[in-house]
Amino acid sequence: MPLGQGISEMWDAVRDRVEVAGHGPTWEVTAGSFESALAYARERFGDPAVLGRSDRDRWWPRVTLTVTTDPALAASAPPLEDVATPRIPAQPTRGDAADAGPSAGTEPPSNGTLPSSLEAIFAHQEAQRRARANNEQYS
């Protein structure tokens, strides 16, 4: 097998790997896409309810789904259609960004343009992830 083909196959295998964290009845399933994470969760846990979604790392996309088989938690789960697409945060206008100051979460690029909607999504999700990590650390 040529070296390039072996590296390509290894790259695809690593990118498509699925990671599972947690213990019953709630788990976090991480995969390369929403569809693959959901397919794995359904295969492994039956028909779990999806409680939430977190997208990370713009250079190596990973989607983490929080799933549960607990009926009490499943009752509060959002509709799957709402979780299937990531939430796009509102884009600040030039006046809002200037008034918000450094605590706004994202700073405009140095060239003076506003961040793209994709940049805003990643910044919003990263801020939420940091807030959850800080809450878990101090609880």
Protein backbone atom coordinates (compact mmCIF):
# COMPACT_ATOMS: atom_id res chain seq x y z
CA MET A 1 0.00 0.00 0.00
CA PRO A 2 1.42 3.41 -0.90
CA LEU A 3 2.28 5.66 2.03
CA GLY A 4 -0.10 8.41 0.89
CA GLN A 5 -3.05 6.02 0.79
CA GLY A 6 -2.26 4.75 4.30
CA ILE A 7 -2.05 8.27 5.68
CA SER A 8 -5.32 9.20 3.97
CA GLU A 9 -7.11 6.16 5.42
CA MET A 10 -5.74 6.89 8.90
CA TRP A 11 -6.80 10.55 8.64
CA ASP A 12 -10.36 9.53 7.68
CA ALA A 13 -10.54 7.01 10.52
CA VAL A 14 -9.40 9.54 13.13
CA ARG A 15 -11.75 12.25 11.83
CA ASP A 16 -14.73 9.87 11.86
CA ARG A 17 -14.09 8.41 15.32
CA VAL A 18 -16.83 8.56 17.93
CA GLU A 19 -16.17 9.37 21.58
CA VAL A 20 -18.56 8.69 24.46
CA ALA A 21 -18.35 10.27 27.92
CA GLY A 22 -20.57 9.96 30.97
CA HIS A 23 -22.57 7.13 32.44
CA GLY A 24 -26.21 6.07 32.29
CA PRO A 25 -28.72 7.42 31.83
CA THR A 26 -27.03 10.51 30.29
CA TRP A 27 -24.05 10.52 27.91
CA GLU A 28 -22.14 12.91 25.69
CA VAL A 29 -21.53 11.47 22.22
CA THR A 30 -18.93 13.29 20.10
CA ALA A 31 -18.43 12.65 16.39
CA GLY A 32 -17.47 14.42 13.18
CA SER A 33 -21.05 15.42 12.34
CA PHE A 34 -24.50 15.66 13.88
CA GLU A 35 -25.72 12.75 11.76
CA SER A 36 -22.91 10.38 12.76
CA ALA A 37 -23.21 11.26 16.47
CA LEU A 38 -26.98 10.70 16.37
CA ALA A 39 -26.63 7.43 14.44
CA TYR A 40 -24.10 6.10 16.96
CA ALA A 41 -26.24 7.17 19.94
CA ARG A 42 -29.28 5.43 18.48
CA GLU A 43 -27.28 2.28 17.73
CA ARG A 44 -25.71 2.10 21.18
CA PHE A 45 -28.48 3.42 23.46
CA GLY A 46 -31.67 2.55 21.58
CA ASP A 47 -33.74 5.66 20.95
CA PRO A 48 -32.32 8.27 23.35
CA ALA A 49 -33.61 11.82 23.63
CA VAL A 50 -31.18 14.55 22.55
CA LEU A 51 -30.93 17.18 25.28
CA GLY A 52 -28.40 19.48 23.65
CA ARG A 53 -25.76 20.05 21.02
CA SER A 54 -22.32 21.62 21.11
CA ASP A 55 -20.16 22.29 18.05
CA ARG A 56 -16.42 22.81 18.49
CA ASP A 57 -13.17 23.47 16.68
CA ARG A 58 -13.51 25.14 13.35
CA TRP A 59 -10.41 23.39 11.93
CA TRP A 60 -11.50 19.88 12.88
CA PRO A 61 -15.28 19.92 13.23
CA ARG A 62 -16.68 17.94 16.15
CA VAL A 63 -20.28 17.78 17.31
CA THR A 64 -21.16 16.70 20.84
CA LEU A 65 -24.70 15.57 21.58
CA THR A 66 -25.95 15.19 25.14
CA VAL A 67 -28.32 12.22 25.06
CA THR A 68 -30.38 10.47 27.73
CA THR A 69 -32.59 7.46 28.23
CA ASP A 70 -34.09 8.90 31.44
CA PRO A 71 -37.82 9.52 30.82
CA ALA A 72 -37.91 12.51 33.19
CA LEU A 73 -35.04 14.26 31.38
CA ALA A 74 -36.37 13.21 27.96
CA ALA A 75 -39.63 15.02 28.68
CA SER A 76 -37.76 18.34 28.80
CA ALA A 77 -35.75 17.66 25.62
CA PRO A 78 -36.15 20.13 22.75
CA PRO A 79 -37.52 18.88 19.42
CA LEU A 80 -34.85 17.09 17.37
CA GLU A 81 -35.34 19.56 14.50
CA ASP A 82 -34.23 22.40 16.80
CA VAL A 83 -31.06 20.55 17.78
CA ALA A 84 -30.25 19.39 14.24
CA THR A 85 -29.08 22.85 13.18
CA PRO A 86 -26.77 24.95 15.34
CA ARG A 87 -28.22 28.18 16.70
CA ILE A 88 -26.82 31.27 15.00
CA PRO A 89 -26.35 34.10 17.50
CA ALA A 90 -27.53 37.59 16.57
CA GLN A 91 -24.93 39.63 14.71
CA PRO A 92 -23.91 42.86 16.43
CA THR A 93 -24.10 46.09 14.47
CA ARG A 94 -21.21 48.51 14.50
CA GLY A 95 -22.91 50.62 17.21
CA ASP A 96 -23.68 47.59 19.38
CA ALA A 97 -20.12 46.26 19.14
CA ALA A 98 -18.66 49.63 20.14
CA ASP A 99 -21.07 50.03 23.05
CA ALA A 100 -20.63 46.48 24.32
CA GLY A 101 -16.93 46.83 25.10
CA PRO A 102 -14.44 44.02 25.65
CA SER A 103 -16.89 41.82 27.58
CA ALA A 104 -19.04 41.29 24.48
CA GLY A 105 -17.39 37.89 23.89
CA THR A 106 -15.98 38.49 20.42
CA GLU A 107 -13.82 41.29 19.20
CA PRO A 108 -14.07 42.55 15.64
CA PRO A 109 -11.12 41.71 13.40
CA SER A 110 -8.35 44.28 13.18
CA ASN A 111 -9.40 45.30 9.66
CA GLY A 112 -12.60 46.85 11.09
CA THR A 113 -15.09 44.42 9.56
CA LEU A 114 -17.63 42.47 11.56
CA PRO A 115 -17.01 38.75 12.08
CA SER A 116 -18.73 36.38 9.69
CA SER A 117 -21.75 34.47 10.95
CA LEU A 118 -19.61 31.34 11.17
CA GLU A 119 -17.08 33.15 13.36
CA ALA A 120 -19.95 34.39 15.52
CA ILE A 121 -21.31 30.86 15.92
CA PHE A 122 -17.93 29.52 17.04
CA ALA A 123 -17.33 32.43 19.41
CA HIS A 124 -20.81 32.04 20.94
CA GLN A 125 -20.41 28.28 21.41
CA GLU A 126 -16.92 28.68 22.88
CA ALA A 127 -18.24 31.25 25.37
CA GLN A 128 -21.02 28.86 26.39
CA ARG A 129 -18.53 25.99 26.77
CA ARG A 130 -16.26 28.13 28.99
CA ALA A 131 -19.23 29.23 31.12
CA ARG A 132 -20.31 25.60 31.62
CA ALA A 133 -16.74 24.59 32.51
CA ASN A 134 -16.49 27.43 35.06
CA ASN A 135 -19.84 26.49 36.61
CA GLU A 136 -18.81 22.85 36.90
CA GLN A 137 -15.44 23.79 38.38
CA TYR A 138 -16.98 25.83 41.20
CA SER A 139 -19.94 23.62 42.01
